[in-house]
Amino acid sequence: MREWPVYMRERRAEGTCWSLSAEGQVADGAVRTKIALTHEEISKLIGTSRETITRTLSELRKQEIAELRGATLIVHNNPALERLATAEEL
């Protein structure tokens, strides 16, 4: 089981991605949202570290759920991102 603070930081990062995707446009089965923020700026907005944002985005990419390409957040699997963002620790 993950340490509680790490788990909460990851949920905040996933939740931020999920919230941002609500503003996006659907194209080719993916939701695309322009965000003009760096990993550092996102981390400051949600009260976590840049490393947590980078690690979370890397995990989401590996799982083919979402990725950040330049200034575009691309969500490939919105239901999976929502489940992660709203999950409670077991």
PDB file of N, CA and C in Angstrom:
ATOM      1  N   MET A   1       0.845  -1.176   0.000  1.00  0.00           N
ATOM      2  CA  MET A   1       0.000   0.000   0.000  1.00  0.00           C
ATOM      3  C   MET A   1       0.896   1.248   0.000  1.00  0.00           C
ATOM      4  N   ARG A   2       0.471   2.281  -0.726  1.00  0.00           N
ATOM      5  CA  ARG A   2       1.258   3.509  -0.800  1.00  0.00           C
ATOM      6  C   ARG A   2       1.093   4.340   0.453  1.00  0.00           C
ATOM      7  N   GLU A   3       2.118   5.155   0.706  1.00  0.00           N
ATOM      8  CA  GLU A   3       2.064   6.082   1.823  1.00  0.00           C
ATOM      9  C   GLU A   3       0.935   7.097   1.581  1.00  0.00           C
ATOM     10  N   TRP A   4       0.181   7.422   2.593  1.00  0.00           N
ATOM     11  CA  TRP A   4      -0.985   8.301   2.457  1.00  0.00           C
ATOM     12  C   TRP A   4      -0.681   9.625   1.768  1.00  0.00           C
ATOM     13  N   PRO A   5       0.335  10.398   2.181  1.00  0.00           N
ATOM     14  CA  PRO A   5       0.559  11.678   1.515  1.00  0.00           C
ATOM     15  C   PRO A   5       0.841  11.534   0.024  1.00  0.00           C
ATOM     16  N   VAL A   6       1.590  10.519  -0.373  1.00  0.00           N
ATOM     17  CA  VAL A   6       1.874  10.298  -1.789  1.00  0.00           C
ATOM     18  C   VAL A   6       0.578   9.990  -2.529  1.00  0.00           C
ATOM     19  N   TYR A   7      -0.236   9.127  -1.947  1.00  0.00           N
ATOM     20  CA  TYR A   7      -1.516   8.762  -2.547  1.00  0.00           C
ATOM     21  C   TYR A   7      -2.370  10.015  -2.778  1.00  0.00           C
ATOM     22  N   MET A   8      -2.456  10.881  -1.786  1.00  0.00           N
ATOM     23  CA  MET A   8      -3.272  12.086  -1.909  1.00  0.00           C
ATOM     24  C   MET A   8      -2.712  13.041  -2.964  1.00  0.00           C
ATOM     25  N   ARG A   9      -1.415  13.171  -3.027  1.00  0.00           N
ATOM     26  CA  ARG A   9      -0.820  14.048  -4.043  1.00  0.00           C
ATOM     27  C   ARG A   9      -1.125  13.525  -5.444  1.00  0.00           C
ATOM     28  N   GLU A  10      -1.044  12.211  -5.623  1.00  0.00           N
ATOM     29  CA  GLU A  10      -1.344  11.630  -6.925  1.00  0.00           C
ATOM     30  C   GLU A  10      -2.815  11.825  -7.281  1.00  0.00           C
ATOM     31  N   ARG A  11      -3.719  11.670  -6.306  1.00  0.00           N
ATOM     32  CA  ARG A  11      -5.147  11.882  -6.577  1.00  0.00           C
ATOM     33  C   ARG A  11      -5.393  13.323  -7.001  1.00  0.00           C
ATOM     34  N   ARG A  12      -4.720  14.279  -6.337  1.00  0.00           N
ATOM     35  CA  ARG A  12      -4.893  15.688  -6.721  1.00  0.00           C
ATOM     36  C   ARG A  12      -4.428  15.911  -8.150  1.00  0.00           C
ATOM     37  N   ALA A  13      -3.304  15.324  -8.518  1.00  0.00           N
ATOM     38  CA  ALA A  13      -2.783  15.488  -9.876  1.00  0.00           C
ATOM     39  C   ALA A  13      -3.721  14.854 -10.899  1.00  0.00           C
ATOM     40  N   GLU A  14      -4.208  13.652 -10.612  1.00  0.00           N
ATOM     41  CA  GLU A  14      -5.152  12.992 -11.518  1.00  0.00           C
ATOM     42  C   GLU A  14      -6.466  13.759 -11.584  1.00  0.00           C
ATOM     43  N   GLY A  15      -6.912  14.255 -10.441  1.00  0.00           N
ATOM     44  CA  GLY A  15      -8.138  15.042 -10.401  1.00  0.00           C
ATOM     45  C   GLY A  15      -8.022  16.318 -11.207  1.00  0.00           C
ATOM     46  N   THR A  16      -6.862  16.944 -11.170  1.00  0.00           N
ATOM     47  CA  THR A  16      -6.628  18.151 -11.952  1.00  0.00           C
ATOM     48  C   THR A  16      -6.713  17.842 -13.439  1.00  0.00           C
ATOM     49  N   CYS A  17      -6.097  16.755 -13.867  1.00  0.00           N
ATOM     50  CA  CYS A  17      -6.173  16.348 -15.279  1.00  0.00           C
ATOM     51  C   CYS A  17      -7.621  16.091 -15.681  1.00  0.00           C
ATOM     52  N   TRP A  18      -8.350  15.399 -14.820  1.00  0.00           N
ATOM     53  CA  TRP A  18      -9.749  15.084 -15.112  1.00  0.00           C
ATOM     54  C   TRP A  18     -10.580  16.366 -15.193  1.00  0.00           C
ATOM     55  N   SER A  19     -10.370  17.285 -14.270  1.00  0.00           N
ATOM     56  CA  SER A  19     -11.103  18.558 -14.285  1.00  0.00           C
ATOM     57  C   SER A  19     -10.782  19.364 -15.535  1.00  0.00           C
ATOM     58  N   LEU A  20      -9.511  19.421 -15.892  1.00  0.00           N
ATOM     59  CA  LEU A  20      -9.113  20.165 -17.085  1.00  0.00           C
ATOM     60  C   LEU A  20      -9.723  19.564 -18.346  1.00  0.00           C
ATOM     61  N   SER A  21      -9.864  18.249 -18.372  1.00  0.00           N
ATOM     62  CA  SER A  21     -10.402  17.597 -19.563  1.00  0.00           C
ATOM     63  C   SER A  21     -11.862  17.976 -19.817  1.00  0.00           C
ATOM     64  N   ALA A  22     -12.562  18.431 -18.791  1.00  0.00           N
ATOM     65  CA  ALA A  22     -13.965  18.833 -18.958  1.00  0.00           C
ATOM     66  C   ALA A  22     -14.098  20.025 -19.906  1.00  0.00           C
ATOM     67  N   GLU A  23     -13.025  20.786 -20.062  1.00  0.00           N
ATOM     68  CA  GLU A  23     -13.028  21.953 -20.939  1.00  0.00           C
ATOM     69  C   GLU A  23     -12.577  21.617 -22.351  1.00  0.00           C
ATOM     70  N   GLY A  24     -12.227  20.362 -22.587  1.00  0.00           N
ATOM     71  CA  GLY A  24     -11.623  19.974 -23.854  1.00  0.00           C
ATOM     72  C   GLY A  24     -12.602  19.690 -24.977  1.00  0.00           C
ATOM     73  N   GLN A  25     -12.036  19.447 -26.129  1.00  0.00           N
ATOM     74  CA  GLN A  25     -12.778  19.103 -27.337  1.00  0.00           C
ATOM     75  C   GLN A  25     -12.524  17.627 -27.640  1.00  0.00           C
ATOM     76  N   VAL A  26     -13.579  16.918 -28.011  1.00  0.00           N
ATOM     77  CA  VAL A  26     -13.446  15.510 -28.358  1.00  0.00           C
ATOM     78  C   VAL A  26     -13.093  15.411 -29.833  1.00  0.00           C
ATOM     79  N   ALA A  27     -12.019  14.654 -30.106  1.00  0.00           N
ATOM     80  CA  ALA A  27     -11.591  14.422 -31.487  1.00  0.00           C
ATOM     81  C   ALA A  27     -10.903  13.066 -31.548  1.00  0.00           C
ATOM     82  N   ASP A  28     -11.305  12.254 -32.489  1.00  0.00           N
ATOM     83  CA  ASP A  28     -10.709  10.927 -32.675  1.00  0.00           C
ATOM     84  C   ASP A  28     -10.764  10.089 -31.396  1.00  0.00           C
ATOM     85  N   GLY A  29     -11.841  10.196 -30.651  1.00  0.00           N
ATOM     86  CA  GLY A  29     -12.022   9.389 -29.452  1.00  0.00           C
ATOM     87  C   GLY A  29     -11.244   9.846 -28.238  1.00  0.00           C
ATOM     88  N   ALA A  30     -10.569  10.986 -28.331  1.00  0.00           N
ATOM     89  CA  ALA A  30      -9.795  11.512 -27.203  1.00  0.00           C
ATOM     90  C   ALA A  30     -10.272  12.929 -26.897  1.00  0.00           C
ATOM     91  N   VAL A  31     -10.090  13.326 -25.650  1.00  0.00           N
ATOM     92  CA  VAL A  31     -10.422  14.693 -25.242  1.00  0.00           C
ATOM     93  C   VAL A  31      -9.121  15.496 -25.239  1.00  0.00           C
ATOM     94  N   ARG A  32      -9.114  16.589 -25.954  1.00  0.00           N
ATOM     95  CA  ARG A  32      -7.926  17.445 -26.054  1.00  0.00           C
ATOM     96  C   ARG A  32      -8.223  18.799 -25.414  1.00  0.00           C
ATOM     97  N   THR A  33      -7.331  19.176 -24.505  1.00  0.00           N
ATOM     98  CA  THR A  33      -7.498  20.435 -23.782  1.00  0.00           C
ATOM     99  C   THR A  33      -6.187  21.204 -23.816  1.00  0.00           C
ATOM    100  N   LYS A  34      -6.246  22.437 -24.258  1.00  0.00           N
ATOM    101  CA  LYS A  34      -5.057  23.297 -24.246  1.00  0.00           C
ATOM    102  C   LYS A  34      -4.853  23.821 -22.831  1.00  0.00           C
ATOM    103  N   ILE A  35      -3.660  23.618 -22.296  1.00  0.00           N
ATOM    104  CA  ILE A  35      -3.317  24.197 -20.995  1.00  0.00           C
ATOM    105  C   ILE A  35      -1.956  24.869 -21.131  1.00  0.00           C
ATOM    106  N   ALA A  36      -1.903  26.107 -20.780  1.00  0.00           N
ATOM    107  CA  ALA A  36      -0.669  26.882 -20.909  1.00  0.00           C
ATOM    108  C   ALA A  36       0.039  26.950 -19.562  1.00  0.00           C
ATOM    109  N   LEU A  37       0.238  25.773 -18.953  1.00  0.00           N
ATOM    110  CA  LEU A  37       0.901  25.718 -17.652  1.00  0.00           C
ATOM    111  C   LEU A  37       2.025  24.691 -17.701  1.00  0.00           C
ATOM    112  N   THR A  38       3.109  24.992 -17.019  1.00  0.00           N
ATOM    113  CA  THR A  38       4.201  24.031 -16.890  1.00  0.00           C
ATOM    114  C   THR A  38       3.880  23.054 -15.757  1.00  0.00           C
ATOM    115  N   HIS A  39       4.649  21.982 -15.667  1.00  0.00           N
ATOM    116  CA  HIS A  39       4.493  21.045 -14.553  1.00  0.00           C
ATOM    117  C   HIS A  39       4.657  21.786 -13.225  1.00  0.00           C
ATOM    118  N   GLU A  40       5.595  22.695 -13.181  1.00  0.00           N
ATOM    119  CA  GLU A  40       5.841  23.478 -11.964  1.00  0.00           C
ATOM    120  C   GLU A  40       4.628  24.326 -11.597  1.00  0.00           C
ATOM    121  N   GLU A  41       4.037  24.983 -12.580  1.00  0.00           N
ATOM    122  CA  GLU A  41       2.875  25.832 -12.322  1.00  0.00           C
ATOM    123  C   GLU A  41       1.667  25.002 -11.876  1.00  0.00           C
ATOM    124  N   ILE A  42       1.468  23.847 -12.495  1.00  0.00           N
ATOM    125  CA  ILE A  42       0.376  22.955 -12.082  1.00  0.00           C
ATOM    126  C   ILE A  42       0.596  22.517 -10.639  1.00  0.00           C
ATOM    127  N   SER A  43       1.835  22.150 -10.322  1.00  0.00           N
ATOM    128  CA  SER A  43       2.121  21.678  -8.962  1.00  0.00           C
ATOM    129  C   SER A  43       1.834  22.754  -7.918  1.00  0.00           C
ATOM    130  N   LYS A  44       2.165  23.989  -8.230  1.00  0.00           N
ATOM    131  CA  LYS A  44       1.902  25.083  -7.285  1.00  0.00           C
ATOM    132  C   LYS A  44       0.400  25.324  -7.111  1.00  0.00           C
ATOM    133  N   LEU A  45      -0.356  25.177  -8.184  1.00  0.00           N
ATOM    134  CA  LEU A  45      -1.803  25.372  -8.106  1.00  0.00           C
ATOM    135  C   LEU A  45      -2.479  24.355  -7.191  1.00  0.00           C
ATOM    136  N   ILE A  46      -1.973  23.119  -7.180  1.00  0.00           N
ATOM    137  CA  ILE A  46      -2.639  22.074  -6.396  1.00  0.00           C
ATOM    138  C   ILE A  46      -1.888  21.692  -5.134  1.00  0.00           C
ATOM    139  N   GLY A  47      -0.781  22.380  -4.869  1.00  0.00           N
ATOM    140  CA  GLY A  47      -0.069  22.153  -3.610  1.00  0.00           C
ATOM    141  C   GLY A  47       0.723  20.872  -3.553  1.00  0.00           C
ATOM    142  N   THR A  48       1.399  20.549  -4.633  1.00  0.00           N
ATOM    143  CA  THR A  48       2.249  19.361  -4.653  1.00  0.00           C
ATOM    144  C   THR A  48       3.564  19.712  -5.335  1.00  0.00           C
ATOM    145  N   SER A  49       4.397  18.735  -5.571  1.00  0.00           N
ATOM    146  CA  SER A  49       5.701  19.010  -6.190  1.00  0.00           C
ATOM    147  C   SER A  49       5.650  18.791  -7.697  1.00  0.00           C
ATOM    148  N   ARG A  50       6.576  19.410  -8.396  1.00  0.00           N
ATOM    149  CA  ARG A  50       6.700  19.202  -9.831  1.00  0.00           C
ATOM    150  C   ARG A  50       6.961  17.739 -10.125  1.00  0.00           C
ATOM    151  N   GLU A  51       7.739  17.094  -9.274  1.00  0.00           N
ATOM    152  CA  GLU A  51       8.059  15.685  -9.462  1.00  0.00           C
ATOM    153  C   GLU A  51       6.806  14.817  -9.423  1.00  0.00           C
ATOM    154  N   THR A  52       5.863  15.158  -8.532  1.00  0.00           N
ATOM    155  CA  THR A  52       4.615  14.399  -8.460  1.00  0.00           C
ATOM    156  C   THR A  52       3.827  14.548  -9.753  1.00  0.00           C
ATOM    157  N   ILE A  53       3.769  15.746 -10.295  1.00  0.00           N
ATOM    158  CA  ILE A  53       3.062  15.972 -11.560  1.00  0.00           C
ATOM    159  C   ILE A  53       3.724  15.174 -12.674  1.00  0.00           C
ATOM    160  N   THR A  54       5.037  15.258 -12.756  1.00  0.00           N
ATOM    161  CA  THR A  54       5.768  14.545 -13.802  1.00  0.00           C
ATOM    162  C   THR A  54       5.573  13.040 -13.666  1.00  0.00           C
ATOM    163  N   ARG A  55       5.680  12.531 -12.453  1.00  0.00           N
ATOM    164  CA  ARG A  55       5.516  11.087 -12.206  1.00  0.00           C
ATOM    165  C   ARG A  55       4.095  10.634 -12.535  1.00  0.00           C
ATOM    166  N   THR A  56       3.109  11.420 -12.128  1.00  0.00           N
ATOM    167  CA  THR A  56       1.718  11.061 -12.388  1.00  0.00           C
ATOM    168  C   THR A  56       1.421  11.064 -13.882  1.00  0.00           C
ATOM    169  N   LEU A  57       1.871  12.087 -14.588  1.00  0.00           N
ATOM    170  CA  LEU A  57       1.665  12.135 -16.038  1.00  0.00           C
ATOM    171  C   LEU A  57       2.370  10.978 -16.739  1.00  0.00           C
ATOM    172  N   SER A  58       3.536  10.614 -16.258  1.00  0.00           N
ATOM    173  CA  SER A  58       4.262   9.475 -16.825  1.00  0.00           C
ATOM    174  C   SER A  58       3.479   8.177 -16.642  1.00  0.00           C
ATOM    175  N   GLU A  59       2.910   7.989 -15.445  1.00  0.00           N
ATOM    176  CA  GLU A  59       2.095   6.797 -15.169  1.00  0.00           C
ATOM    177  C   GLU A  59       0.844   6.783 -16.036  1.00  0.00           C
ATOM    178  N   LEU A  60       0.192   7.925 -16.166  1.00  0.00           N
ATOM    179  CA  LEU A  60      -1.011   8.001 -16.996  1.00  0.00           C
ATOM    180  C   LEU A  60      -0.689   7.679 -18.451  1.00  0.00           C
ATOM    181  N   ARG A  61       0.485   8.111 -18.915  1.00  0.00           N
ATOM    182  CA  ARG A  61       0.900   7.799 -20.291  1.00  0.00           C
ATOM    183  C   ARG A  61       1.163   6.300 -20.441  1.00  0.00           C
ATOM    184  N   LYS A  62       1.885   5.712 -19.484  1.00  0.00           N
ATOM    185  CA  LYS A  62       2.175   4.278 -19.546  1.00  0.00           C
ATOM    186  C   LYS A  62       0.905   3.446 -19.579  1.00  0.00           C
ATOM    187  N   GLN A  63      -0.117   3.899 -18.844  1.00  0.00           N
ATOM    188  CA  GLN A  63      -1.391   3.187 -18.788  1.00  0.00           C
ATOM    189  C   GLN A  63      -2.311   3.561 -19.962  1.00  0.00           C
ATOM    190  N   GLU A  64      -1.818   4.428 -20.839  1.00  0.00           N
ATOM    191  CA  GLU A  64      -2.565   4.896 -22.011  1.00  0.00           C
ATOM    192  C   GLU A  64      -3.894   5.551 -21.625  1.00  0.00           C
ATOM    193  N   ILE A  65      -3.855   6.280 -20.513  1.00  0.00           N
ATOM    194  CA  ILE A  65      -5.039   6.996 -20.032  1.00  0.00           C
ATOM    195  C   ILE A  65      -5.001   8.448 -20.487  1.00  0.00           C
ATOM    196  N   ALA A  66      -3.857   9.111 -20.307  1.00  0.00           N
ATOM    197  CA  ALA A  66      -3.729  10.522 -20.674  1.00  0.00           C
ATOM    198  C   ALA A  66      -2.259  10.851 -20.874  1.00  0.00           C
ATOM    199  N   GLU A  67      -2.028  11.947 -21.578  1.00  0.00           N
ATOM    200  CA  GLU A  67      -0.660  12.423 -21.768  1.00  0.00           C
ATOM    201  C   GLU A  67      -0.678  13.919 -22.024  1.00  0.00           C
ATOM    202  N   LEU A  68       0.444  14.535 -21.770  1.00  0.00           N
ATOM    203  CA  LEU A  68       0.609  15.956 -22.038  1.00  0.00           C
ATOM    204  C   LEU A  68       1.593  16.077 -23.192  1.00  0.00           C
ATOM    205  N   ARG A  69       1.117  16.616 -24.305  1.00  0.00           N
ATOM    206  CA  ARG A  69       1.967  16.854 -25.476  1.00  0.00           C
ATOM    207  C   ARG A  69       2.056  18.354 -25.671  1.00  0.00           C
ATOM    208  N   GLY A  70       3.199  18.892 -25.328  1.00  0.00           N
ATOM    209  CA  GLY A  70       3.346  20.344 -25.399  1.00  0.00           C
ATOM    210  C   GLY A  70       2.357  20.990 -24.451  1.00  0.00           C
ATOM    211  N   ALA A  71       1.502  21.842 -24.986  1.00  0.00           N
ATOM    212  CA  ALA A  71       0.500  22.530 -24.161  1.00  0.00           C
ATOM    213  C   ALA A  71      -0.875  21.868 -24.262  1.00  0.00           C
ATOM    214  N   THR A  72      -0.920  20.626 -24.762  1.00  0.00           N
ATOM    215  CA  THR A  72      -2.194  19.942 -24.938  1.00  0.00           C
ATOM    216  C   THR A  72      -2.273  18.702 -24.057  1.00  0.00           C
ATOM    217  N   LEU A  73      -3.276  18.670 -23.204  1.00  0.00           N
ATOM    218  CA  LEU A  73      -3.581  17.487 -22.414  1.00  0.00           C
ATOM    219  C   LEU A  73      -4.495  16.617 -23.266  1.00  0.00           C
ATOM    220  N   ILE A  74      -4.085  15.384 -23.502  1.00  0.00           N
ATOM    221  CA  ILE A  74      -4.874  14.454 -24.305  1.00  0.00           C
ATOM    222  C   ILE A  74      -5.309  13.314 -23.398  1.00  0.00           C
ATOM    223  N   VAL A  75      -6.612  13.182 -23.227  1.00  0.00           N
ATOM    224  CA  VAL A  75      -7.166  12.112 -22.401  1.00  0.00           C
ATOM    225  C   VAL A  75      -7.722  11.051 -23.343  1.00  0.00           C
ATOM    226  N   HIS A  76      -7.090   9.880 -23.307  1.00  0.00           N
ATOM    227  CA  HIS A  76      -7.482   8.769 -24.166  1.00  0.00           C
ATOM    228  C   HIS A  76      -8.593   7.930 -23.539  1.00  0.00           C
ATOM    229  N   ASN A  77      -8.639   7.909 -22.215  1.00  0.00           N
ATOM    230  CA  ASN A  77      -9.611   7.069 -21.516  1.00  0.00           C
ATOM    231  C   ASN A  77     -10.182   7.865 -20.339  1.00  0.00           C
ATOM    232  N   ASN A  78     -11.192   8.675 -20.628  1.00  0.00           N
ATOM    233  CA  ASN A  78     -11.764   9.549 -19.599  1.00  0.00           C
ATOM    234  C   ASN A  78     -12.401   8.767 -18.443  1.00  0.00           C
ATOM    235  N   PRO A  79     -13.124   7.665 -18.694  1.00  0.00           N
ATOM    236  CA  PRO A  79     -13.681   6.908 -17.567  1.00  0.00           C
ATOM    237  C   PRO A  79     -12.596   6.378 -16.611  1.00  0.00           C
ATOM    238  N   ALA A  80     -11.480   5.928 -17.159  1.00  0.00           N
ATOM    239  CA  ALA A  80     -10.388   5.433 -16.310  1.00  0.00           C
ATOM    240  C   ALA A  80      -9.774   6.575 -15.510  1.00  0.00           C
ATOM    241  N   LEU A  81      -9.613   7.736 -16.141  1.00  0.00           N
ATOM    242  CA  LEU A  81      -9.066   8.893 -15.430  1.00  0.00           C
ATOM    243  C   LEU A  81     -10.017   9.323 -14.316  1.00  0.00           C
ATOM    244  N   GLU A  82     -11.298   9.306 -14.594  1.00  0.00           N
ATOM    245  CA  GLU A  82     -12.281   9.658 -13.556  1.00  0.00           C
ATOM    246  C   GLU A  82     -12.199   8.677 -12.372  1.00  0.00           C
ATOM    247  N   ARG A  83     -12.095   7.385 -12.653  1.00  0.00           N
ATOM    248  CA  ARG A  83     -11.983   6.386 -11.574  1.00  0.00           C
ATOM    249  C   ARG A  83     -10.754   6.651 -10.718  1.00  0.00           C
ATOM    250  N   LEU A  84      -9.626   6.943 -11.349  1.00  0.00           N
ATOM    251  CA  LEU A  84      -8.405   7.235 -10.592  1.00  0.00           C
ATOM    252  C   LEU A  84      -8.557   8.514  -9.769  1.00  0.00           C
ATOM    253  N   ALA A  85      -9.116   9.537 -10.387  1.00  0.00           N
ATOM    254  CA  ALA A  85      -9.235  10.848  -9.752  1.00  0.00           C
ATOM    255  C   ALA A  85     -10.170  10.829  -8.551  1.00  0.00           C
ATOM    256  N   THR A  86     -11.151   9.937  -8.580  1.00  0.00           N
ATOM    257  CA  THR A  86     -12.155   9.915  -7.516  1.00  0.00           C
ATOM    258  C   THR A  86     -12.014   8.701  -6.595  1.00  0.00           C
ATOM    259  N   ALA A  87     -10.955   7.929  -6.796  1.00  0.00           N
ATOM    260  CA  ALA A  87     -10.759   6.709  -6.001  1.00  0.00           C
ATOM    261  C   ALA A  87     -10.407   7.051  -4.549  1.00  0.00           C
ATOM    262  N   GLU A  88     -10.813   6.182  -3.690  1.00  0.00           N
ATOM    263  CA  GLU A  88     -10.420   6.273  -2.291  1.00  0.00           C
ATOM    264  C   GLU A  88      -9.462   5.137  -2.021  1.00  0.00           C
ATOM    265  N   GLU A  89      -8.520   5.368  -1.116  1.00  0.00           N
ATOM    266  CA  GLU A  89      -7.552   4.329  -0.790  1.00  0.00           C
ATOM    267  C   GLU A  89      -8.257   3.160  -0.127  1.00  0.00           C
ATOM    268  N   LEU A  90      -7.851   1.964  -0.535  1.00  0.00           N
ATOM    269  CA  LEU A  90      -8.430   0.750   0.057  1.00  0.00           C
ATOM    270  C   LEU A  90      -7.856   0.444   1.398  1.00  0.00           C
TER     271      LEU A  90
END
